[in-house]
Amino acid sequence: MSDTNCMQTKVRNMSGAEAFFGFLPPHGKRLASGEEYTYFGSPDTLYASITKKRHRTALQNALTDGKIVIVSTPSPIAYDATLDVSKAIGVDNGSASVSDPCWGAYSSSITDPHTV
């Protein structure tokens, strides 16, 4: 069964205390120390969607001050023209790896990706 979990970003509160991060979607999020929060999208789309300068500054400061860290982001998807497949690029045991995207295999030569 396909899903879209690989299109999410996970962050962790590293401030050492409970903190409110007003820049986290949809309307800010209070996180306990060490708590992780997952949202749909990537850090760059989050940054682009922030319209208030103070929220952009707060995001930049939280990252550079180490109060919040990005644990994981959506994996890049690359097309292999030789094999005619799209693969998600990831890391496994310190080495680059590839796998089918979370929503299923893709090849332009198949009409139903769920049959791969």
N, C-alpha and C. Protein backbone atom coordinates (compact mmCIF):
# COMPACT_ATOMS: atom_id res chain seq x y z
N MET A 1 0.84 -1.18 0.00
CA MET A 1 0.00 0.00 0.00
C MET A 1 0.89 1.24 0.00
N SER A 2 0.59 2.20 -0.84
CA SER A 2 1.37 3.42 -0.95
C SER A 2 1.00 4.41 0.14
N ASP A 3 1.98 5.26 0.49
CA ASP A 3 1.71 6.34 1.43
C ASP A 3 2.59 7.53 1.05
N THR A 4 2.58 8.56 1.86
CA THR A 4 3.39 9.74 1.58
C THR A 4 4.27 10.11 2.78
N ASN A 5 4.58 9.13 3.63
CA ASN A 5 5.41 9.41 4.80
C ASN A 5 6.78 9.96 4.43
N CYS A 6 7.31 9.58 3.28
CA CYS A 6 8.64 10.05 2.89
C CYS A 6 8.62 11.50 2.41
N MET A 7 7.47 12.13 2.44
CA MET A 7 7.37 13.53 2.03
C MET A 7 7.24 14.44 3.26
N GLN A 8 7.73 13.96 4.41
CA GLN A 8 7.61 14.70 5.65
C GLN A 8 8.97 15.07 6.20
N THR A 9 8.98 16.14 7.00
CA THR A 9 10.18 16.57 7.71
C THR A 9 9.97 16.34 9.19
N LYS A 10 11.00 15.83 9.85
CA LYS A 10 10.95 15.62 11.30
C LYS A 10 11.97 16.54 11.95
N VAL A 11 11.53 17.27 12.99
CA VAL A 11 12.41 18.14 13.76
C VAL A 11 12.39 17.71 15.23
N ARG A 12 13.42 18.10 15.98
CA ARG A 12 13.49 17.76 17.42
C ARG A 12 13.88 19.01 18.21
N ASN A 13 13.18 19.21 19.33
CA ASN A 13 13.49 20.29 20.25
C ASN A 13 14.74 19.91 21.04
N MET A 14 15.82 20.66 20.85
CA MET A 14 17.09 20.41 21.53
C MET A 14 17.43 21.52 22.51
N SER A 15 16.45 22.36 22.86
CA SER A 15 16.70 23.53 23.70
C SER A 15 16.97 23.17 25.16
N GLY A 16 16.61 21.97 25.57
CA GLY A 16 16.80 21.57 26.95
C GLY A 16 15.60 21.89 27.83
N ALA A 17 14.57 22.46 27.23
CA ALA A 17 13.35 22.81 27.97
C ALA A 17 12.17 22.79 27.01
N GLU A 18 10.96 22.81 27.57
CA GLU A 18 9.79 22.95 26.70
C GLU A 18 9.88 24.30 26.01
N ALA A 19 9.52 24.33 24.73
CA ALA A 19 9.61 25.58 23.97
C ALA A 19 8.51 25.64 22.93
N PHE A 20 8.10 26.86 22.61
CA PHE A 20 7.12 27.09 21.54
C PHE A 20 7.87 27.57 20.32
N PHE A 21 7.63 26.88 19.20
CA PHE A 21 8.25 27.23 17.93
C PHE A 21 7.15 27.74 17.01
N GLY A 22 6.99 29.05 16.95
CA GLY A 22 5.90 29.68 16.22
C GLY A 22 5.95 29.48 14.72
N PHE A 23 7.10 29.09 14.20
CA PHE A 23 7.25 28.90 12.76
C PHE A 23 6.83 27.52 12.28
N LEU A 24 6.62 26.57 13.20
CA LEU A 24 6.22 25.23 12.78
C LEU A 24 4.76 25.20 12.35
N PRO A 25 4.47 24.52 11.23
CA PRO A 25 3.10 24.49 10.76
C PRO A 25 2.21 23.60 11.62
N PRO A 26 0.90 23.83 11.65
CA PRO A 26 0.24 24.88 10.87
C PRO A 26 0.22 26.24 11.58
N HIS A 27 0.24 26.28 12.94
CA HIS A 27 0.12 27.56 13.66
C HIS A 27 1.07 27.61 14.84
N GLY A 28 2.25 27.04 14.70
CA GLY A 28 3.20 26.96 15.79
C GLY A 28 2.97 25.68 16.58
N LYS A 29 4.02 25.26 17.28
CA LYS A 29 3.93 24.01 18.02
C LYS A 29 4.79 24.10 19.28
N ARG A 30 4.19 23.70 20.42
CA ARG A 30 4.93 23.61 21.69
C ARG A 30 5.47 22.19 21.79
N LEU A 31 6.79 22.10 22.01
CA LEU A 31 7.44 20.80 22.10
C LEU A 31 8.17 20.67 23.43
N ALA A 32 8.03 19.52 24.06
CA ALA A 32 8.79 19.22 25.27
C ALA A 32 10.26 19.05 24.88
N SER A 33 11.13 19.15 25.85
CA SER A 33 12.55 18.93 25.59
C SER A 33 12.75 17.55 24.98
N GLY A 34 13.43 17.49 23.85
CA GLY A 34 13.69 16.22 23.17
C GLY A 34 12.54 15.70 22.32
N GLU A 35 11.40 16.37 22.36
CA GLU A 35 10.24 15.91 21.58
C GLU A 35 10.45 16.16 20.10
N GLU A 36 9.98 15.21 19.30
CA GLU A 36 10.03 15.35 17.84
C GLU A 36 8.66 15.70 17.30
N TYR A 37 8.68 16.42 16.19
CA TYR A 37 7.44 16.82 15.52
C TYR A 37 7.63 16.62 14.02
N THR A 38 6.63 16.06 13.38
CA THR A 38 6.69 15.79 11.94
C THR A 38 5.64 16.61 11.22
N TYR A 39 6.06 17.24 10.11
CA TYR A 39 5.12 18.00 9.29
C TYR A 39 5.33 17.63 7.82
N PHE A 40 4.28 17.83 7.04
CA PHE A 40 4.32 17.51 5.62
C PHE A 40 5.09 18.59 4.88
N GLY A 41 6.06 18.19 4.10
CA GLY A 41 6.85 19.12 3.30
C GLY A 41 8.31 19.12 3.72
N SER A 42 9.05 20.05 3.14
CA SER A 42 10.48 20.14 3.38
C SER A 42 10.81 21.47 4.06
N PRO A 43 12.01 21.60 4.64
CA PRO A 43 12.38 22.85 5.28
C PRO A 43 12.35 24.05 4.33
N ASP A 44 12.75 23.86 3.08
CA ASP A 44 12.75 24.99 2.16
C ASP A 44 11.33 25.44 1.81
N THR A 45 10.37 24.51 1.71
CA THR A 45 8.99 24.94 1.46
C THR A 45 8.40 25.58 2.70
N LEU A 46 8.81 25.12 3.89
CA LEU A 46 8.37 25.77 5.13
C LEU A 46 8.88 27.20 5.15
N TYR A 47 10.17 27.38 4.89
CA TYR A 47 10.77 28.71 4.91
C TYR A 47 10.09 29.63 3.90
N ALA A 48 9.84 29.11 2.71
CA ALA A 48 9.20 29.92 1.67
C ALA A 48 7.77 30.30 2.04
N SER A 49 7.11 29.47 2.85
CA SER A 49 5.72 29.74 3.20
C SER A 49 5.58 30.71 4.37
N ILE A 50 6.67 30.98 5.08
CA ILE A 50 6.60 31.89 6.22
C ILE A 50 6.55 33.33 5.72
N THR A 51 5.47 34.02 6.05
CA THR A 51 5.28 35.38 5.55
C THR A 51 5.70 36.45 6.56
N LYS A 52 5.81 36.08 7.83
CA LYS A 52 6.20 37.06 8.85
C LYS A 52 7.71 37.01 9.07
N LYS A 53 8.34 38.18 8.96
CA LYS A 53 9.79 38.26 9.11
C LYS A 53 10.25 37.71 10.46
N ARG A 54 9.48 37.96 11.52
CA ARG A 54 9.88 37.49 12.85
C ARG A 54 9.89 35.97 12.92
N HIS A 55 8.99 35.31 12.17
CA HIS A 55 8.98 33.84 12.15
C HIS A 55 10.18 33.31 11.37
N ARG A 56 10.54 33.98 10.27
CA ARG A 56 11.73 33.56 9.52
C ARG A 56 12.98 33.71 10.38
N THR A 57 13.07 34.83 11.07
CA THR A 57 14.21 35.07 11.95
C THR A 57 14.24 34.04 13.08
N ALA A 58 13.08 33.73 13.65
CA ALA A 58 13.01 32.74 14.73
C ALA A 58 13.45 31.37 14.24
N LEU A 59 13.06 30.98 13.02
CA LEU A 59 13.49 29.70 12.45
C LEU A 59 15.01 29.69 12.28
N GLN A 60 15.55 30.73 11.69
CA GLN A 60 17.00 30.80 11.49
C GLN A 60 17.74 30.75 12.82
N ASN A 61 17.27 31.52 13.80
CA ASN A 61 17.93 31.54 15.11
C ASN A 61 17.84 30.19 15.82
N ALA A 62 16.67 29.55 15.77
CA ALA A 62 16.50 28.25 16.43
C ALA A 62 17.46 27.22 15.84
N LEU A 63 17.65 27.26 14.53
CA LEU A 63 18.57 26.31 13.88
C LEU A 63 20.03 26.64 14.22
N THR A 64 20.42 27.90 14.08
CA THR A 64 21.83 28.25 14.32
C THR A 64 22.21 28.18 15.79
N ASP A 65 21.24 28.39 16.70
CA ASP A 65 21.51 28.29 18.13
C ASP A 65 21.40 26.85 18.65
N GLY A 66 21.00 25.92 17.79
CA GLY A 66 20.90 24.52 18.18
C GLY A 66 19.68 24.21 19.04
N LYS A 67 18.68 25.09 19.04
CA LYS A 67 17.47 24.84 19.83
C LYS A 67 16.55 23.83 19.15
N ILE A 68 16.66 23.75 17.84
CA ILE A 68 15.88 22.77 17.09
C ILE A 68 16.80 22.19 16.02
N VAL A 69 16.66 20.90 15.76
CA VAL A 69 17.45 20.27 14.71
C VAL A 69 16.50 19.58 13.74
N ILE A 70 16.95 19.49 12.52
CA ILE A 70 16.21 18.75 11.49
C ILE A 70 16.71 17.32 11.53
N VAL A 71 15.84 16.40 11.88
CA VAL A 71 16.19 14.98 11.99
C VAL A 71 16.17 14.32 10.61
N SER A 72 15.12 14.61 9.84
CA SER A 72 15.02 14.02 8.50
C SER A 72 14.15 14.91 7.63
N THR A 73 14.37 14.79 6.34
CA THR A 73 13.62 15.56 5.34
C THR A 73 13.14 14.60 4.26
N PRO A 74 12.26 15.07 3.39
CA PRO A 74 11.88 14.22 2.26
C PRO A 74 13.10 13.83 1.43
N SER A 75 13.14 12.58 1.02
CA SER A 75 14.26 12.08 0.23
C SER A 75 14.20 12.63 -1.18
N PRO A 76 15.36 12.98 -1.74
CA PRO A 76 15.36 13.37 -3.15
C PRO A 76 14.95 12.18 -4.02
N ILE A 77 14.27 12.45 -5.10
CA ILE A 77 13.86 11.42 -6.06
C ILE A 77 14.67 11.64 -7.34
N ALA A 78 15.30 10.60 -7.81
CA ALA A 78 16.11 10.69 -9.03
C ALA A 78 15.61 9.66 -10.03
N TYR A 79 15.70 10.05 -11.29
CA TYR A 79 15.27 9.16 -12.38
C TYR A 79 16.49 8.51 -13.00
N ASP A 80 16.48 7.19 -13.11
CA ASP A 80 17.53 6.41 -13.75
C ASP A 80 17.05 6.08 -15.16
N ALA A 81 17.57 6.81 -16.14
CA ALA A 81 17.12 6.64 -17.53
C ALA A 81 17.50 5.27 -18.09
N THR A 82 18.61 4.71 -17.64
CA THR A 82 19.03 3.41 -18.13
C THR A 82 18.05 2.32 -17.71
N LEU A 83 17.65 2.34 -16.44
CA LEU A 83 16.73 1.33 -15.94
C LEU A 83 15.27 1.76 -16.05
N ASP A 84 15.04 3.03 -16.43
CA ASP A 84 13.68 3.57 -16.57
C ASP A 84 12.89 3.46 -15.27
N VAL A 85 13.53 3.89 -14.17
CA VAL A 85 12.86 3.87 -12.86
C VAL A 85 13.23 5.13 -12.08
N SER A 86 12.33 5.53 -11.20
CA SER A 86 12.61 6.60 -10.25
C SER A 86 12.90 5.98 -8.90
N LYS A 87 13.90 6.51 -8.21
CA LYS A 87 14.31 5.98 -6.92
C LYS A 87 14.49 7.12 -5.92
N ALA A 88 14.17 6.82 -4.66
CA ALA A 88 14.44 7.74 -3.55
C ALA A 88 15.87 7.49 -3.09
N ILE A 89 16.58 8.57 -2.84
CA ILE A 89 17.96 8.48 -2.38
C ILE A 89 17.97 8.64 -0.87
N GLY A 90 18.66 7.74 -0.20
CA GLY A 90 18.72 7.78 1.26
C GLY A 90 20.07 7.35 1.78
N VAL A 91 20.12 7.15 3.09
CA VAL A 91 21.34 6.70 3.75
C VAL A 91 20.99 5.49 4.60
N ASP A 92 21.82 4.47 4.51
CA ASP A 92 21.64 3.27 5.32
C ASP A 92 23.00 2.84 5.83
N ASN A 93 23.16 2.81 7.14
CA ASN A 93 24.42 2.39 7.76
C ASN A 93 25.61 3.21 7.26
N GLY A 94 25.38 4.53 7.07
CA GLY A 94 26.45 5.42 6.65
C GLY A 94 26.74 5.43 5.17
N SER A 95 26.01 4.67 4.38
CA SER A 95 26.24 4.62 2.93
C SER A 95 24.99 5.08 2.19
N ALA A 96 25.22 5.70 1.04
CA ALA A 96 24.10 6.11 0.18
C ALA A 96 23.36 4.87 -0.28
N SER A 97 22.04 4.99 -0.36
CA SER A 97 21.23 3.86 -0.81
C SER A 97 20.08 4.39 -1.65
N VAL A 98 19.46 3.51 -2.40
CA VAL A 98 18.27 3.89 -3.17
C VAL A 98 17.16 2.90 -2.88
N SER A 99 15.94 3.39 -2.98
CA SER A 99 14.77 2.54 -2.77
C SER A 99 13.62 3.13 -3.56
N ASP A 100 12.55 2.37 -3.66
CA ASP A 100 11.35 2.92 -4.29
C ASP A 100 10.82 4.04 -3.42
N PRO A 101 10.27 5.09 -4.02
CA PRO A 101 9.62 6.13 -3.22
C PRO A 101 8.50 5.52 -2.38
N CYS A 102 8.16 6.16 -1.28
CA CYS A 102 7.16 5.59 -0.36
C CYS A 102 5.80 5.40 -1.02
N TRP A 103 5.52 6.17 -2.05
CA TRP A 103 4.21 6.04 -2.70
C TRP A 103 4.20 4.95 -3.77
N GLY A 104 5.33 4.29 -4.00
CA GLY A 104 5.35 3.16 -4.92
C GLY A 104 6.39 3.29 -6.01
N ALA A 105 6.65 2.18 -6.65
CA ALA A 105 7.64 2.15 -7.74
C ALA A 105 7.13 2.93 -8.93
N TYR A 106 8.09 3.45 -9.73
CA TYR A 106 7.70 4.15 -10.95
C TYR A 106 8.62 3.73 -12.09
N SER A 107 8.01 3.46 -13.20
CA SER A 107 8.70 3.27 -14.47
C SER A 107 7.75 3.74 -15.55
N SER A 108 8.25 4.49 -16.52
CA SER A 108 7.36 4.99 -17.57
C SER A 108 6.86 3.86 -18.46
N SER A 109 7.45 2.68 -18.36
CA SER A 109 7.04 1.56 -19.21
C SER A 109 5.91 0.74 -18.59
N ILE A 110 5.49 1.05 -17.36
CA ILE A 110 4.38 0.32 -16.74
C ILE A 110 3.19 1.26 -16.56
N THR A 111 2.03 0.72 -16.64
CA THR A 111 0.82 1.55 -16.50
C THR A 111 0.27 1.49 -15.08
N ASP A 112 0.50 0.42 -14.35
CA ASP A 112 0.03 0.31 -12.97
C ASP A 112 1.23 0.09 -12.06
N PRO A 113 1.69 1.15 -11.33
CA PRO A 113 2.89 1.02 -10.51
C PRO A 113 2.70 0.02 -9.37
N HIS A 114 1.49 -0.36 -9.01
CA HIS A 114 1.25 -1.29 -7.91
C HIS A 114 1.51 -2.74 -8.32
N THR A 115 1.79 -2.96 -9.60
CA THR A 115 2.05 -4.32 -10.05
C THR A 115 3.54 -4.63 -10.11
N VAL A 116 4.37 -3.63 -9.78
CA VAL A 116 5.84 -3.82 -9.82
C VAL A 116 6.29 -4.62 -8.64
